N, C-alpha and C. Protein backbone atom coordinates (compact mmCIF):
# COMPACT_ATOMS: atom_id res chain seq x y z
N MET A 1 -10.98 8.91 28.79
CA MET A 1 -10.36 10.19 28.49
C MET A 1 -9.77 10.80 29.75
N ILE A 2 -8.86 11.68 29.53
CA ILE A 2 -8.21 12.38 30.63
C ILE A 2 -8.99 13.65 30.91
N ASP A 3 -9.49 13.78 32.14
CA ASP A 3 -10.32 14.93 32.48
C ASP A 3 -9.66 15.86 33.49
N ALA A 4 -9.03 15.30 34.48
CA ALA A 4 -8.50 16.12 35.56
C ALA A 4 -7.17 16.76 35.18
N PRO A 5 -6.92 17.98 35.63
CA PRO A 5 -5.64 18.65 35.33
C PRO A 5 -4.43 17.88 35.85
N ILE A 6 -4.57 17.21 36.99
CA ILE A 6 -3.43 16.45 37.52
C ILE A 6 -3.07 15.29 36.59
N GLU A 7 -4.09 14.70 35.96
CA GLU A 7 -3.82 13.62 35.01
C GLU A 7 -3.08 14.15 33.78
N TRP A 8 -3.46 15.34 33.33
CA TRP A 8 -2.75 15.96 32.20
C TRP A 8 -1.29 16.21 32.56
N ALA A 9 -1.06 16.69 33.77
CA ALA A 9 0.31 16.97 34.21
C ALA A 9 1.13 15.68 34.22
N ILE A 10 0.54 14.60 34.70
CA ILE A 10 1.24 13.32 34.74
C ILE A 10 1.57 12.86 33.32
N VAL A 11 0.63 12.99 32.42
CA VAL A 11 0.86 12.59 31.03
C VAL A 11 1.99 13.41 30.41
N ILE A 12 1.99 14.69 30.64
CA ILE A 12 3.03 15.57 30.09
C ILE A 12 4.40 15.21 30.66
N VAL A 13 4.46 14.94 31.95
CA VAL A 13 5.74 14.56 32.57
C VAL A 13 6.23 13.25 31.98
N VAL A 14 5.34 12.28 31.81
CA VAL A 14 5.73 10.99 31.24
C VAL A 14 6.25 11.18 29.81
N ILE A 15 5.59 12.01 29.03
CA ILE A 15 6.04 12.27 27.66
C ILE A 15 7.42 12.92 27.67
N LEU A 16 7.63 13.89 28.54
CA LEU A 16 8.95 14.54 28.63
C LEU A 16 10.03 13.55 29.03
N VAL A 17 9.71 12.67 29.95
CA VAL A 17 10.70 11.69 30.39
C VAL A 17 11.00 10.71 29.26
N LEU A 18 9.97 10.26 28.56
CA LEU A 18 10.17 9.29 27.49
C LEU A 18 10.94 9.86 26.31
N PHE A 19 10.63 11.06 25.95
CA PHE A 19 11.23 11.64 24.74
C PHE A 19 12.43 12.53 25.05
N GLY A 20 12.59 12.95 26.27
CA GLY A 20 13.78 13.63 26.70
C GLY A 20 14.00 15.03 26.16
N SER A 21 13.19 15.48 25.27
CA SER A 21 13.43 16.81 24.72
C SER A 21 12.11 17.41 24.25
N THR A 22 12.06 18.72 24.32
CA THR A 22 10.83 19.40 23.88
C THR A 22 10.79 19.49 22.36
N LYS A 23 11.88 19.20 21.68
CA LYS A 23 11.90 19.25 20.22
C LYS A 23 11.14 18.08 19.61
N LYS A 24 11.11 16.96 20.30
CA LYS A 24 10.46 15.77 19.76
C LYS A 24 8.96 15.75 20.03
N ILE A 25 8.49 16.53 20.97
CA ILE A 25 7.08 16.51 21.34
C ILE A 25 6.17 16.96 20.19
N PRO A 26 6.47 18.05 19.47
CA PRO A 26 5.59 18.41 18.34
C PRO A 26 5.53 17.32 17.27
N GLU A 27 6.66 16.67 17.03
CA GLU A 27 6.67 15.58 16.06
C GLU A 27 5.79 14.42 16.54
N PHE A 28 5.89 14.11 17.82
CA PHE A 28 5.05 13.07 18.41
C PHE A 28 3.57 13.44 18.30
N ALA A 29 3.24 14.69 18.57
CA ALA A 29 1.85 15.15 18.50
C ALA A 29 1.32 15.05 17.06
N ARG A 30 2.15 15.44 16.09
CA ARG A 30 1.74 15.32 14.68
C ARG A 30 1.46 13.87 14.31
N ASN A 31 2.37 12.98 14.69
CA ASN A 31 2.19 11.57 14.39
C ASN A 31 0.95 11.00 15.07
N LEU A 32 0.71 11.42 16.29
CA LEU A 32 -0.48 10.98 17.00
C LEU A 32 -1.74 11.49 16.30
N GLY A 33 -1.72 12.72 15.84
CA GLY A 33 -2.86 13.28 15.11
C GLY A 33 -3.11 12.55 13.81
N ARG A 34 -2.04 12.22 13.10
CA ARG A 34 -2.19 11.47 11.85
C ARG A 34 -2.77 10.09 12.11
N ALA A 35 -2.27 9.43 13.14
CA ALA A 35 -2.78 8.09 13.47
C ALA A 35 -4.25 8.15 13.84
N THR A 36 -4.63 9.15 14.60
CA THR A 36 -6.04 9.32 14.98
C THR A 36 -6.89 9.56 13.74
N GLY A 37 -6.41 10.38 12.82
CA GLY A 37 -7.14 10.65 11.59
C GLY A 37 -7.31 9.40 10.75
N GLU A 38 -6.26 8.60 10.65
CA GLU A 38 -6.33 7.34 9.89
C GLU A 38 -7.35 6.39 10.52
N PHE A 39 -7.35 6.32 11.84
CA PHE A 39 -8.30 5.46 12.53
C PHE A 39 -9.73 5.91 12.26
N LYS A 40 -9.98 7.21 12.33
CA LYS A 40 -11.33 7.73 12.10
C LYS A 40 -11.75 7.51 10.65
N ARG A 41 -10.84 7.69 9.70
CA ARG A 41 -11.16 7.43 8.29
C ARG A 41 -11.52 5.97 8.09
N GLY A 42 -10.78 5.09 8.71
CA GLY A 42 -11.07 3.66 8.61
C GLY A 42 -12.43 3.32 9.21
N GLN A 43 -12.74 3.95 10.33
CA GLN A 43 -14.03 3.71 10.97
C GLN A 43 -15.17 4.19 10.09
N VAL A 44 -15.02 5.38 9.50
CA VAL A 44 -16.06 5.92 8.61
C VAL A 44 -16.22 5.03 7.39
N GLU A 45 -15.10 4.54 6.86
CA GLU A 45 -15.15 3.66 5.70
C GLU A 45 -15.90 2.36 6.04
N LEU A 46 -15.63 1.80 7.20
CA LEU A 46 -16.32 0.59 7.64
C LEU A 46 -17.81 0.86 7.80
N GLU A 47 -18.16 1.97 8.41
CA GLU A 47 -19.57 2.31 8.61
C GLU A 47 -20.27 2.49 7.26
N ASN A 48 -19.61 3.13 6.31
CA ASN A 48 -20.21 3.31 4.99
C ASN A 48 -20.44 1.97 4.29
N GLU A 49 -19.46 1.07 4.39
CA GLU A 49 -19.61 -0.25 3.78
C GLU A 49 -20.78 -1.01 4.42
N LEU A 50 -20.90 -0.89 5.74
CA LEU A 50 -22.00 -1.58 6.41
C LEU A 50 -23.34 -0.99 6.02
N ARG A 51 -23.40 0.33 5.90
CA ARG A 51 -24.65 0.98 5.47
C ARG A 51 -25.04 0.49 4.07
N LYS A 52 -24.06 0.44 3.18
CA LYS A 52 -24.33 -0.01 1.82
C LYS A 52 -24.83 -1.45 1.81
N SER A 53 -24.21 -2.29 2.61
CA SER A 53 -24.59 -3.71 2.61
C SER A 53 -25.95 -3.94 3.25
N MET A 54 -26.38 -3.07 4.13
CA MET A 54 -27.65 -3.26 4.81
C MET A 54 -28.81 -2.54 4.13
N SER A 55 -28.52 -1.73 3.15
CA SER A 55 -29.60 -1.02 2.47
C SER A 55 -30.33 -1.98 1.53
N PRO A 56 -31.63 -1.77 1.32
CA PRO A 56 -32.41 -2.68 0.48
C PRO A 56 -31.93 -2.74 -0.97
N ASP A 57 -31.32 -1.68 -1.45
CA ASP A 57 -30.89 -1.64 -2.84
C ASP A 57 -29.45 -2.12 -3.04
N ALA A 58 -28.90 -2.80 -2.07
CA ALA A 58 -27.52 -3.29 -2.15
C ALA A 58 -27.51 -4.67 -2.79
N SER A 59 -27.86 -4.73 -4.05
CA SER A 59 -27.94 -6.02 -4.73
C SER A 59 -26.57 -6.59 -5.06
N SER A 60 -25.55 -5.73 -5.14
CA SER A 60 -24.23 -6.22 -5.51
C SER A 60 -23.47 -6.83 -4.34
N VAL A 61 -23.92 -6.57 -3.11
CA VAL A 61 -23.24 -7.11 -1.93
C VAL A 61 -24.05 -8.28 -1.39
N LYS A 62 -23.42 -9.42 -1.26
CA LYS A 62 -24.10 -10.59 -0.74
C LYS A 62 -23.94 -10.62 0.78
N PRO A 63 -25.04 -10.76 1.52
CA PRO A 63 -24.96 -10.76 2.98
C PRO A 63 -24.06 -11.86 3.54
N SER A 64 -23.90 -12.97 2.84
CA SER A 64 -23.08 -14.07 3.35
C SER A 64 -21.60 -13.70 3.39
N ASN A 65 -21.19 -12.67 2.66
CA ASN A 65 -19.79 -12.26 2.64
C ASN A 65 -19.41 -11.35 3.81
N ILE A 66 -20.39 -10.94 4.60
CA ILE A 66 -20.15 -9.98 5.67
C ILE A 66 -20.04 -10.73 6.99
N ASN A 67 -18.98 -10.44 7.73
CA ASN A 67 -18.81 -11.01 9.06
C ASN A 67 -19.43 -10.02 10.05
N TYR A 68 -20.70 -10.23 10.39
CA TYR A 68 -21.43 -9.30 11.24
C TYR A 68 -20.85 -9.26 12.65
N SER A 69 -20.33 -10.37 13.10
CA SER A 69 -19.74 -10.42 14.44
C SER A 69 -18.53 -9.49 14.51
N GLU A 70 -17.66 -9.57 13.51
CA GLU A 70 -16.46 -8.71 13.47
C GLU A 70 -16.85 -7.24 13.32
N ALA A 71 -17.84 -6.98 12.46
CA ALA A 71 -18.29 -5.61 12.25
C ALA A 71 -18.86 -5.04 13.54
N ALA A 72 -19.64 -5.85 14.25
CA ALA A 72 -20.23 -5.39 15.52
C ALA A 72 -19.13 -5.09 16.54
N LYS A 73 -18.13 -5.94 16.61
CA LYS A 73 -17.01 -5.71 17.54
C LYS A 73 -16.30 -4.40 17.20
N ASN A 74 -16.10 -4.13 15.91
CA ASN A 74 -15.42 -2.90 15.50
C ASN A 74 -16.23 -1.66 15.86
N LEU A 75 -17.54 -1.82 15.97
CA LEU A 75 -18.40 -0.69 16.34
C LEU A 75 -18.63 -0.62 17.84
N GLY A 76 -18.02 -1.53 18.60
CA GLY A 76 -18.15 -1.50 20.06
C GLY A 76 -19.43 -2.16 20.56
N ILE A 77 -19.97 -3.09 19.80
CA ILE A 77 -21.19 -3.79 20.19
C ILE A 77 -20.82 -5.15 20.76
N GLU A 78 -21.40 -5.51 21.89
CA GLU A 78 -21.18 -6.82 22.50
C GLU A 78 -21.80 -7.90 21.62
N THR A 79 -21.05 -8.96 21.33
CA THR A 79 -21.51 -9.97 20.37
C THR A 79 -21.84 -11.32 20.99
N SER A 80 -21.43 -11.57 22.22
CA SER A 80 -21.58 -12.91 22.78
C SER A 80 -23.05 -13.28 22.96
N GLY A 81 -23.39 -14.47 22.47
CA GLY A 81 -24.72 -15.01 22.64
C GLY A 81 -25.79 -14.39 21.76
N LYS A 82 -25.41 -13.65 20.73
CA LYS A 82 -26.38 -12.99 19.86
C LYS A 82 -26.40 -13.64 18.49
N SER A 83 -27.59 -13.71 17.91
CA SER A 83 -27.72 -14.27 16.57
C SER A 83 -27.28 -13.23 15.53
N GLU A 84 -27.13 -13.69 14.30
CA GLU A 84 -26.74 -12.78 13.22
C GLU A 84 -27.80 -11.70 13.01
N GLU A 85 -29.07 -12.07 13.15
CA GLU A 85 -30.16 -11.09 13.00
C GLU A 85 -30.10 -10.03 14.09
N GLN A 86 -29.80 -10.43 15.32
CA GLN A 86 -29.68 -9.47 16.41
C GLN A 86 -28.51 -8.53 16.16
N LEU A 87 -27.40 -9.09 15.68
CA LEU A 87 -26.24 -8.26 15.38
C LEU A 87 -26.56 -7.27 14.27
N LYS A 88 -27.27 -7.74 13.22
CA LYS A 88 -27.64 -6.84 12.13
C LYS A 88 -28.47 -5.68 12.65
N THR A 89 -29.44 -6.00 13.51
CA THR A 89 -30.31 -4.97 14.07
C THR A 89 -29.52 -3.96 14.89
N GLU A 90 -28.63 -4.46 15.75
CA GLU A 90 -27.83 -3.55 16.59
C GLU A 90 -26.87 -2.72 15.75
N ILE A 91 -26.28 -3.30 14.73
CA ILE A 91 -25.38 -2.55 13.84
C ILE A 91 -26.16 -1.44 13.15
N LYS A 92 -27.34 -1.80 12.65
CA LYS A 92 -28.17 -0.82 11.95
C LYS A 92 -28.55 0.34 12.89
N GLU A 93 -28.92 0.01 14.13
CA GLU A 93 -29.27 1.05 15.12
C GLU A 93 -28.07 1.93 15.42
N LYS A 94 -26.91 1.31 15.60
CA LYS A 94 -25.70 2.07 15.92
C LYS A 94 -25.34 3.03 14.79
N LEU A 95 -25.45 2.54 13.55
CA LEU A 95 -25.12 3.38 12.40
C LEU A 95 -26.14 4.50 12.22
N SER A 96 -27.41 4.24 12.49
CA SER A 96 -28.41 5.29 12.34
C SER A 96 -28.27 6.34 13.43
N ASN A 97 -27.78 5.95 14.60
CA ASN A 97 -27.54 6.91 15.69
C ASN A 97 -26.34 7.79 15.41
N ASN A 98 -25.38 7.31 14.61
CA ASN A 98 -24.15 8.05 14.32
C ASN A 98 -24.34 9.05 13.19
N GLN A 99 -25.46 9.02 12.51
CA GLN A 99 -25.66 9.93 11.36
C GLN A 99 -25.98 11.30 11.82
């Protein structure tokens, strides 16, 4: 994330140079906000699906259909050298911490 005021100034200058006009900046900000919202909705949807699949009463979801490695990567969990059980445990911990 951008924390320092000088970094914000640099970002603003770059945006002005790239877009060339102050009229396009609000449109860019709206589009950026929409994209961020879509990303967050997708993340929440993925987390909900994983919660459903890992709950004991999830009889309709077969564990073999879930790619735990991909799900772990999407949640920012390191996957190299870990078994499926380790990934399941880490995914479950990550999801319970996000509640």
